[in-house]
Protein backbone atom coordinates (compact mmCIF):
# COMPACT_ATOMS: atom_id res chain seq x y z
CA MET A 1 -67.83 -30.23 32.76
CA VAL A 2 -66.11 -32.85 34.78
CA VAL A 3 -67.07 -33.87 38.17
CA GLU A 4 -64.29 -35.08 40.73
CA ILE A 5 -65.39 -37.38 43.43
CA ILE A 6 -63.25 -37.65 46.61
CA ARG A 7 -64.58 -40.56 48.88
CA TYR A 8 -62.81 -40.48 52.37
CA GLY A 9 -63.25 -42.90 55.48
CA ILE A 10 -62.63 -40.14 58.15
CA ALA A 11 -62.32 -41.74 62.09
CA PRO A 12 -65.05 -40.47 64.23
CA GLU A 13 -62.31 -38.35 66.16
CA SER A 14 -61.32 -36.40 63.30
CA ALA A 15 -64.72 -35.71 61.68
CA GLU A 16 -65.04 -32.30 63.04
CA LEU A 17 -61.44 -31.20 61.92
CA PHE A 18 -62.26 -32.59 58.39
CA ILE A 19 -65.67 -30.36 58.23
CA LYS A 20 -63.74 -27.61 59.30
CA ALA A 21 -60.89 -28.13 56.82
CA TYR A 22 -63.25 -28.16 54.03
CA LYS A 23 -65.19 -25.35 55.01
CA GLU A 24 -61.93 -23.28 54.91
CA ALA A 25 -60.48 -24.99 51.97
CA GLY A 26 -63.98 -24.24 50.14
CA THR A 27 -62.70 -20.41 49.95
CA TYR A 28 -59.90 -21.37 47.50
CA LEU A 29 -62.56 -23.65 45.44
CA ASN A 30 -64.94 -20.54 45.14
CA ARG A 31 -62.22 -18.26 43.86
CA SER A 32 -61.14 -20.36 41.24
CA THR A 33 -62.66 -19.76 37.86
CA HIS A 34 -62.22 -23.39 36.92
CA CYS A 35 -64.58 -24.50 39.93
CA LEU A 36 -68.15 -24.26 39.02
CA SER A 37 -69.57 -25.72 42.54
CA TYR A 38 -68.74 -28.00 45.25
CA GLU A 39 -70.42 -29.95 47.94
CA VAL A 40 -69.28 -31.98 50.86
CA ILE A 41 -71.68 -34.61 52.14
CA LYS A 42 -71.60 -37.31 55.00
CA GLY A 43 -72.92 -40.48 55.09
CA ILE A 44 -76.08 -41.21 57.17
CA GLU A 45 -76.03 -44.90 57.39
CA GLU A 46 -72.18 -45.14 57.56
CA PRO A 47 -71.13 -41.53 59.29
CA ASN A 48 -67.51 -42.33 58.80
CA ASN A 49 -68.06 -41.91 54.85
CA PHE A 50 -67.60 -38.30 53.37
CA ILE A 51 -67.89 -37.60 49.71
CA VAL A 52 -66.71 -34.18 48.03
CA ARG A 53 -67.97 -33.89 44.75
CA ILE A 54 -66.39 -30.74 43.11
CA GLU A 55 -67.71 -29.49 39.49
CA TRP A 56 -64.74 -28.52 37.30
CA ASP A 57 -65.08 -26.53 33.99
CA SER A 58 -62.97 -29.10 32.30
CA LEU A 59 -60.37 -31.68 33.26
CA GLU A 60 -57.80 -29.06 32.01
CA GLY A 61 -59.21 -26.48 34.34
CA HIS A 62 -58.61 -28.76 37.20
CA MET A 63 -55.36 -30.13 36.31
CA GLN A 64 -53.52 -27.35 34.73
CA GLY A 65 -55.74 -24.40 36.18
CA PHE A 66 -56.34 -24.55 39.66
CA ARG A 67 -53.73 -27.24 40.46
CA THR A 68 -50.94 -25.07 39.12
CA GLY A 69 -52.53 -21.77 40.52
CA PRO A 70 -51.48 -20.22 43.76
CA ASP A 71 -54.79 -21.15 45.59
CA PHE A 72 -54.15 -24.94 45.20
CA GLN A 73 -51.11 -24.63 47.59
CA TYR A 74 -53.47 -23.07 50.31
CA PHE A 75 -56.34 -25.54 49.62
CA PHE A 76 -54.17 -28.53 49.83
CA ALA A 77 -52.47 -27.49 52.99
CA LEU A 78 -55.82 -27.40 55.01
CA VAL A 79 -57.12 -30.81 53.34
CA LYS A 80 -53.75 -32.63 53.29
CA PRO A 81 -53.83 -33.93 57.04
CA PHE A 82 -56.80 -36.26 55.40
CA PHE A 83 -55.01 -37.43 52.51
CA ASN A 84 -54.39 -41.06 53.61
CA ALA A 85 -58.13 -41.22 54.32
CA ILE A 86 -59.10 -41.24 50.62
CA LEU A 87 -60.57 -44.15 49.33
CA GLU A 88 -61.14 -42.74 45.87
CA MET A 89 -60.25 -39.72 44.01
CA LYS A 90 -61.48 -39.86 40.30
CA HIS A 91 -63.08 -37.72 37.44
CA TYR A 92 -66.49 -38.35 35.91
CA SER A 93 -68.43 -37.33 33.17
CA VAL A 94 -72.18 -36.53 33.57
CA ILE A 95 -74.26 -38.47 31.32
CA ALA A 96 -77.86 -37.74 32.78
CA ASN A 97 -78.92 -35.17 35.12
CA SER A 98 -82.03 -33.40 35.95
């Protein structure tokens, strides 16, 4: 399993549109056999900070499976307006959990 972390800095006037976009984009993540789960979380102390955490079956499943499949185009069209607000977009390995 691989975890993708995408950190966003979203202006207050765009927050509702961002949330709506990811709720719709989640449809395409849910349809992917490579996406194990995802969550979108909002900062409490810093409400302009959002994190999208996506669990993929593998790096290849994300990059060659989902990103080259037909659902990626629809997913990306929804989240593309927020692309410039990305602070970090990286893949991570889980080394400990409960």
